[in-house]
C-alpha atoms as a PDB file:
ATOM      1  CA  UNK A   1     104.679  18.098  60.407  1.00  0.00           C
ATOM      2  CA  UNK A   2     106.882  19.592  57.672  1.00  0.00           C
ATOM      3  CA  UNK A   3     104.347  22.359  56.943  1.00  0.00           C
ATOM      4  CA  UNK A   4     104.200  23.268  60.633  1.00  0.00           C
ATOM      5  CA  UNK A   5     107.996  23.567  60.821  1.00  0.00           C
ATOM      6  CA  UNK A   6     108.001  25.669  57.663  1.00  0.00           C
ATOM      7  CA  UNK A   7     105.318  27.929  59.140  1.00  0.00           C
ATOM      8  CA  UNK A   8     107.241  28.258  62.420  1.00  0.00           C
ATOM      9  CA  UNK A   9     110.352  29.252  60.461  1.00  0.00           C
ATOM     10  CA  UNK A  10     108.358  31.934  58.648  1.00  0.00           C
ATOM     11  CA  UNK A  11     106.942  33.234  61.933  1.00  0.00           C
ATOM     12  CA  UNK A  12     110.407  33.477  63.447  1.00  0.00           C
ATOM     13  CA  UNK A  13     111.711  35.496  60.515  1.00  0.00           C
ATOM     14  CA  UNK A  14     108.638  37.763  60.573  1.00  0.00           C
ATOM     15  CA  UNK A  15     109.041  38.350  64.295  1.00  0.00           C
ATOM     16  CA  UNK A  16     112.739  39.102  63.799  1.00  0.00           C
ATOM     17  CA  UNK A  17     111.750  41.910  61.438  1.00  0.00           C
ATOM     18  CA  UNK A  18     109.096  43.323  63.790  1.00  0.00           C
ATOM     19  CA  UNK A  19     109.900  46.734  65.245  1.00  0.00           C
ATOM     20  CA  UNK A  20     110.089  50.468  64.682  1.00  0.00           C
ATOM     21  CA  UNK A  21     110.941  51.766  61.217  1.00  0.00           C
ATOM     22  CA  UNK A  22     111.690  55.245  59.953  1.00  0.00           C
ATOM     23  CA  UNK A  23     109.674  55.571  56.751  1.00  0.00           C
ATOM     24  CA  UNK A  24     110.607  57.797  53.854  1.00  0.00           C
ATOM     25  CA  UNK A  25     109.636  58.495  50.273  1.00  0.00           C
ATOM     26  CA  UNK A  26     111.575  57.936  47.066  1.00  0.00           C
ATOM     27  CA  UNK A  27     109.893  58.689  43.730  1.00  0.00           C
ATOM     28  CA  UNK A  28     106.425  58.261  45.236  1.00  0.00           C
ATOM     29  CA  UNK A  29     107.193  54.884  46.848  1.00  0.00           C
ATOM     30  CA  UNK A  30     107.393  54.397  50.608  1.00  0.00           C
ATOM     31  CA  UNK A  31     110.389  52.682  52.215  1.00  0.00           C
ATOM     32  CA  UNK A  32     111.421  51.903  55.772  1.00  0.00           C
ATOM     33  CA  UNK A  33     114.700  51.464  57.657  1.00  0.00           C
ATOM     34  CA  UNK A  34     115.043  49.951  61.129  1.00  0.00           C
ATOM     35  CA  UNK A  35     115.085  52.869  63.560  1.00  0.00           C
ATOM     36  CA  UNK A  36     118.010  51.435  65.528  1.00  0.00           C
ATOM     37  CA  UNK A  37     120.332  52.077  62.577  1.00  0.00           C
ATOM     38  CA  UNK A  38     119.258  55.705  62.155  1.00  0.00           C
ATOM     39  CA  UNK A  39     121.623  58.147  63.851  1.00  0.00           C
ATOM     40  CA  UNK A  40     119.923  61.377  62.778  1.00  0.00           C
ATOM     41  CA  UNK A  41     118.079  63.185  60.012  1.00  0.00           C
ATOM     42  CA  UNK A  42     119.571  66.370  58.624  1.00  0.00           C
ATOM     43  CA  UNK A  43     118.543  68.847  55.960  1.00  0.00           C
ATOM     44  CA  UNK A  44     120.457  69.039  52.711  1.00  0.00           C
ATOM     45  CA  UNK A  45     123.848  70.633  53.065  1.00  0.00           C
ATOM     46  CA  UNK A  46     126.780  71.190  50.716  1.00  0.00           C
ATOM     47  CA  UNK A  47     128.203  67.858  49.515  1.00  0.00           C
ATOM     48  CA  UNK A  48     131.816  67.724  48.342  1.00  0.00           C
ATOM     49  CA  UNK A  49     132.027  65.442  45.311  1.00  0.00           C
ATOM     50  CA  UNK A  50     134.696  62.775  45.205  1.00  0.00           C
ATOM     51  CA  UNK A  51     136.198  61.874  41.823  1.00  0.00           C
ATOM     52  CA  UNK A  52     136.126  58.321  40.445  1.00  0.00           C
ATOM     53  CA  UNK A  53     133.207  57.085  42.523  1.00  0.00           C
ATOM     54  CA  UNK A  54     130.010  55.421  41.263  1.00  0.00           C
ATOM     55  CA  UNK A  55     127.297  57.856  40.100  1.00  0.00           C
ATOM     56  CA  UNK A  56     125.116  57.174  43.165  1.00  0.00           C
ATOM     57  CA  UNK A  57     127.877  58.412  45.503  1.00  0.00           C
ATOM     58  CA  UNK A  58     127.181  62.128  45.838  1.00  0.00           C
ATOM     59  CA  UNK A  59     130.364  62.763  47.834  1.00  0.00           C
ATOM     60  CA  UNK A  60     131.135  63.558  51.463  1.00  0.00           C
ATOM     61  CA  UNK A  61     129.867  65.981  54.081  1.00  0.00           C
ATOM     62  CA  UNK A  62     131.465  67.409  57.189  1.00  0.00           C
ATOM     63  CA  UNK A  63     129.065  66.635  60.011  1.00  0.00           C
ATOM     64  CA  UNK A  64     130.327  68.187  63.228  1.00  0.00           C
ATOM     65  CA  UNK A  65     133.945  67.433  62.349  1.00  0.00           C
ATOM     66  CA  UNK A  66     133.363  63.929  60.950  1.00  0.00           C
ATOM     67  CA  UNK A  67     133.643  63.213  57.233  1.00  0.00           C
ATOM     68  CA  UNK A  68     130.660  61.101  56.160  1.00  0.00           C
ATOM     69  CA  UNK A  69     130.115  59.615  52.687  1.00  0.00           C
ATOM     70  CA  UNK A  70     126.712  60.366  51.147  1.00  0.00           C
ATOM     71  CA  UNK A  71     124.834  58.258  48.594  1.00  0.00           C
ATOM     72  CA  UNK A  72     121.695  59.151  46.680  1.00  0.00           C
ATOM     73  CA  UNK A  73     119.277  56.252  47.188  1.00  0.00           C
ATOM     74  CA  UNK A  74     117.372  57.157  44.003  1.00  0.00           C
ATOM     75  CA  UNK A  75     120.481  56.621  41.919  1.00  0.00           C
ATOM     76  CA  UNK A  76     121.473  53.502  43.863  1.00  0.00           C
ATOM     77  CA  UNK A  77     118.109  51.954  42.998  1.00  0.00           C
ATOM     78  CA  UNK A  78     118.297  53.130  39.348  1.00  0.00           C
ATOM     79  CA  UNK A  79     115.463  55.630  39.844  1.00  0.00           C
ATOM     80  CA  UNK A  80     115.857  58.789  37.730  1.00  0.00           C
ATOM     81  CA  UNK A  81     117.524  61.665  39.571  1.00  0.00           C
ATOM     82  CA  UNK A  82     115.346  64.622  40.535  1.00  0.00           C
ATOM     83  CA  UNK A  83     115.913  68.131  41.778  1.00  0.00           C
ATOM     84  CA  UNK A  84     116.359  68.408  45.525  1.00  0.00           C
ATOM     85  CA  UNK A  85     113.517  70.239  47.286  1.00  0.00           C
ATOM     86  CA  UNK A  86     113.023  71.694  50.752  1.00  0.00           C
ATOM     87  CA  UNK A  87     111.784  68.240  51.832  1.00  0.00           C
ATOM     88  CA  UNK A  88     114.863  66.387  50.528  1.00  0.00           C
ATOM     89  CA  UNK A  89     117.036  65.305  53.416  1.00  0.00           C
ATOM     90  CA  UNK A  90     119.924  63.101  54.445  1.00  0.00           C
ATOM     91  CA  UNK A  91     119.297  60.190  56.800  1.00  0.00           C
ATOM     92  CA  UNK A  92     122.521  59.412  58.644  1.00  0.00           C
ATOM     93  CA  UNK A  93     122.673  55.660  59.277  1.00  0.00           C
ATOM     94  CA  UNK A  94     125.130  53.262  60.814  1.00  0.00           C
ATOM     95  CA  UNK A  95     125.746  50.201  58.685  1.00  0.00           C
ATOM     96  CA  UNK A  96     127.661  47.052  59.494  1.00  0.00           C
ATOM     97  CA  UNK A  97     130.556  46.506  57.126  1.00  0.00           C
ATOM     98  CA  UNK A  98     132.900  43.506  57.025  1.00  0.00           C
ATOM     99  CA  UNK A  99     135.415  45.362  59.228  1.00  0.00           C
ATOM    100  CA  UNK A 100     132.915  46.969  61.635  1.00  0.00           C
ATOM    101  CA  UNK A 101     130.475  49.850  61.840  1.00  0.00           C
ATOM    102  CA  UNK A 102     130.427  52.708  59.321  1.00  0.00           C
ATOM    103  CA  UNK A 103     128.332  55.871  59.256  1.00  0.00           C
ATOM    104  CA  UNK A 104     126.946  57.013  55.889  1.00  0.00           C
ATOM    105  CA  UNK A 105     124.328  59.487  54.732  1.00  0.00           C
ATOM    106  CA  UNK A 106     121.530  58.540  52.356  1.00  0.00           C
ATOM    107  CA  UNK A 107     119.649  61.179  50.374  1.00  0.00           C
ATOM    108  CA  UNK A 108     115.870  60.619  50.261  1.00  0.00           C
ATOM    109  CA  UNK A 109     113.002  62.670  48.826  1.00  0.00           C
ATOM    110  CA  UNK A 110     111.312  63.151  52.213  1.00  0.00           C
ATOM    111  CA  UNK A 111     110.997  61.536  55.626  1.00  0.00           C
ATOM    112  CA  UNK A 112     107.492  60.415  56.587  1.00  0.00           C
ATOM    113  CA  UNK A 113     107.156  58.991  60.098  1.00  0.00           C
ATOM    114  CA  UNK A 114     108.266  56.319  62.543  1.00  0.00           C
ATOM    115  CA  UNK A 115     106.002  53.267  62.462  1.00  0.00           C
ATOM    116  CA  UNK A 116     105.798  50.292  64.783  1.00  0.00           C
ATOM    117  CA  UNK A 117     105.323  47.367  62.379  1.00  0.00           C
ATOM    118  CA  UNK A 118     104.181  44.012  63.698  1.00  0.00           C
ATOM    119  CA  UNK A 119     105.773  40.808  62.415  1.00  0.00           C
ATOM    120  CA  UNK A 120     102.493  39.444  61.036  1.00  0.00           C
ATOM    121  CA  UNK A 121     102.253  42.513  58.776  1.00  0.00           C
ATOM    122  CA  UNK A 122     105.633  41.816  57.129  1.00  0.00           C
ATOM    123  CA  UNK A 123     105.900  39.460  54.174  1.00  0.00           C
ATOM    124  CA  UNK A 124     108.949  38.318  52.240  1.00  0.00           C
ATOM    125  CA  UNK A 125     109.596  40.267  49.076  1.00  0.00           C
ATOM    126  CA  UNK A 126     108.069  38.670  45.992  1.00  0.00           C
ATOM    127  CA  UNK A 127     110.416  36.801  43.694  1.00  0.00           C
ATOM    128  CA  UNK A 128     111.128  38.821  40.565  1.00  0.00           C
ATOM    129  CA  UNK A 129     113.395  36.243  38.944  1.00  0.00           C
ATOM    130  CA  UNK A 130     117.151  36.464  38.739  1.00  0.00           C
ATOM    131  CA  UNK A 131     117.414  39.750  36.846  1.00  0.00           C
ATOM    132  CA  UNK A 132     116.518  41.902  39.874  1.00  0.00           C
ATOM    133  CA  UNK A 133     118.751  42.051  42.940  1.00  0.00           C
ATOM    134  CA  UNK A 134     116.374  42.243  45.887  1.00  0.00           C
ATOM    135  CA  UNK A 135     118.835  41.020  48.516  1.00  0.00           C
ATOM    136  CA  UNK A 136     118.628  44.399  50.291  1.00  0.00           C
ATOM    137  CA  UNK A 137     114.834  44.134  50.734  1.00  0.00           C
ATOM    138  CA  UNK A 138     114.054  42.933  54.241  1.00  0.00           C
ATOM    139  CA  UNK A 139     110.374  42.519  53.505  1.00  0.00           C
ATOM    140  CA  UNK A 140     107.131  44.171  52.520  1.00  0.00           C
ATOM    141  CA  UNK A 141     105.047  45.788  55.264  1.00  0.00           C
ATOM    142  CA  UNK A 142     101.318  45.610  54.617  1.00  0.00           C
ATOM    143  CA  UNK A 143      99.676  48.640  56.166  1.00  0.00           C
ATOM    144  CA  UNK A 144      96.337  50.415  55.747  1.00  0.00           C
ATOM    145  CA  UNK A 145      97.939  52.979  53.470  1.00  0.00           C
ATOM    146  CA  UNK A 146      99.393  50.310  51.166  1.00  0.00           C
ATOM    147  CA  UNK A 147     102.772  48.600  51.142  1.00  0.00           C
ATOM    148  CA  UNK A 148     106.083  49.904  52.451  1.00  0.00           C
ATOM    149  CA  UNK A 149     109.342  48.353  51.267  1.00  0.00           C
ATOM    150  CA  UNK A 150     111.525  47.581  54.286  1.00  0.00           C
ATOM    151  CA  UNK A 151     115.240  47.844  53.528  1.00  0.00           C
ATOM    152  CA  UNK A 152     118.140  45.961  55.042  1.00  0.00           C
ATOM    153  CA  UNK A 153     120.369  49.020  54.952  1.00  0.00           C
ATOM    154  CA  UNK A 154     123.463  46.875  55.612  1.00  0.00           C
ATOM    155  CA  UNK A 155     122.939  45.193  52.212  1.00  0.00           C
ATOM    156  CA  UNK A 156     122.093  48.255  50.084  1.00  0.00           C
ATOM    157  CA  UNK A 157     125.802  48.620  49.306  1.00  0.00           C
ATOM    158  CA  UNK A 158     128.116  45.765  48.390  1.00  0.00           C
ATOM    159  CA  UNK A 159     131.273  45.225  50.436  1.00  0.00           C
ATOM    160  CA  UNK A 160     133.339  46.539  47.486  1.00  0.00           C
ATOM    161  CA  UNK A 161     131.259  49.728  47.410  1.00  0.00           C
ATOM    162  CA  UNK A 162     131.615  50.165  51.172  1.00  0.00           C
ATOM    163  CA  UNK A 163     135.393  49.712  50.917  1.00  0.00           C
ATOM    164  CA  UNK A 164     135.457  52.295  48.110  1.00  0.00           C
ATOM    165  CA  UNK A 165     133.518  54.782  50.278  1.00  0.00           C
ATOM    166  CA  UNK A 166     135.822  54.176  53.218  1.00  0.00           C
ATOM    167  CA  UNK A 167     138.934  54.776  51.082  1.00  0.00           C
ATOM    168  CA  UNK A 168     137.532  57.935  49.493  1.00  0.00           C
ATOM    169  CA  UNK A 169     136.453  59.584  52.716  1.00  0.00           C
ATOM    170  CA  UNK A 170     139.978  59.623  54.101  1.00  0.00           C
END
């Protein structure tokens, strides 16, 4: 009986994660973000740096009259920085902060495609021990081409980091 309940709980969480994901590449690895949080994808544009921000915060951009903070996902995940190419782009996403919705840009190496991922193809992220913070990983999507890391974009930044971005964009 207990095993069945445990299995049902796992199925519910897998089905909750089922849906369409925008996939993108970072340092040769494939990631995905829920498509409902993606506002748009734009090419690289001039980014105004903001002093006294963490190294992964590239600065802000003016997108049609709105100031939007931009973070480099490579640096956020402690992946070595690389030169931007013609395929490098900014994914503009809407995240849920403690005080409401916030729009930010995330720099990625390249955008791949939109995939419809079924719940049964999504597994929890493996446990890496306590030294690695994997709270922002929604799950691992098993696909024919390998594994894609699905991100909970709301948890990629801590609430302190979000508050810092909000203060610096004003």
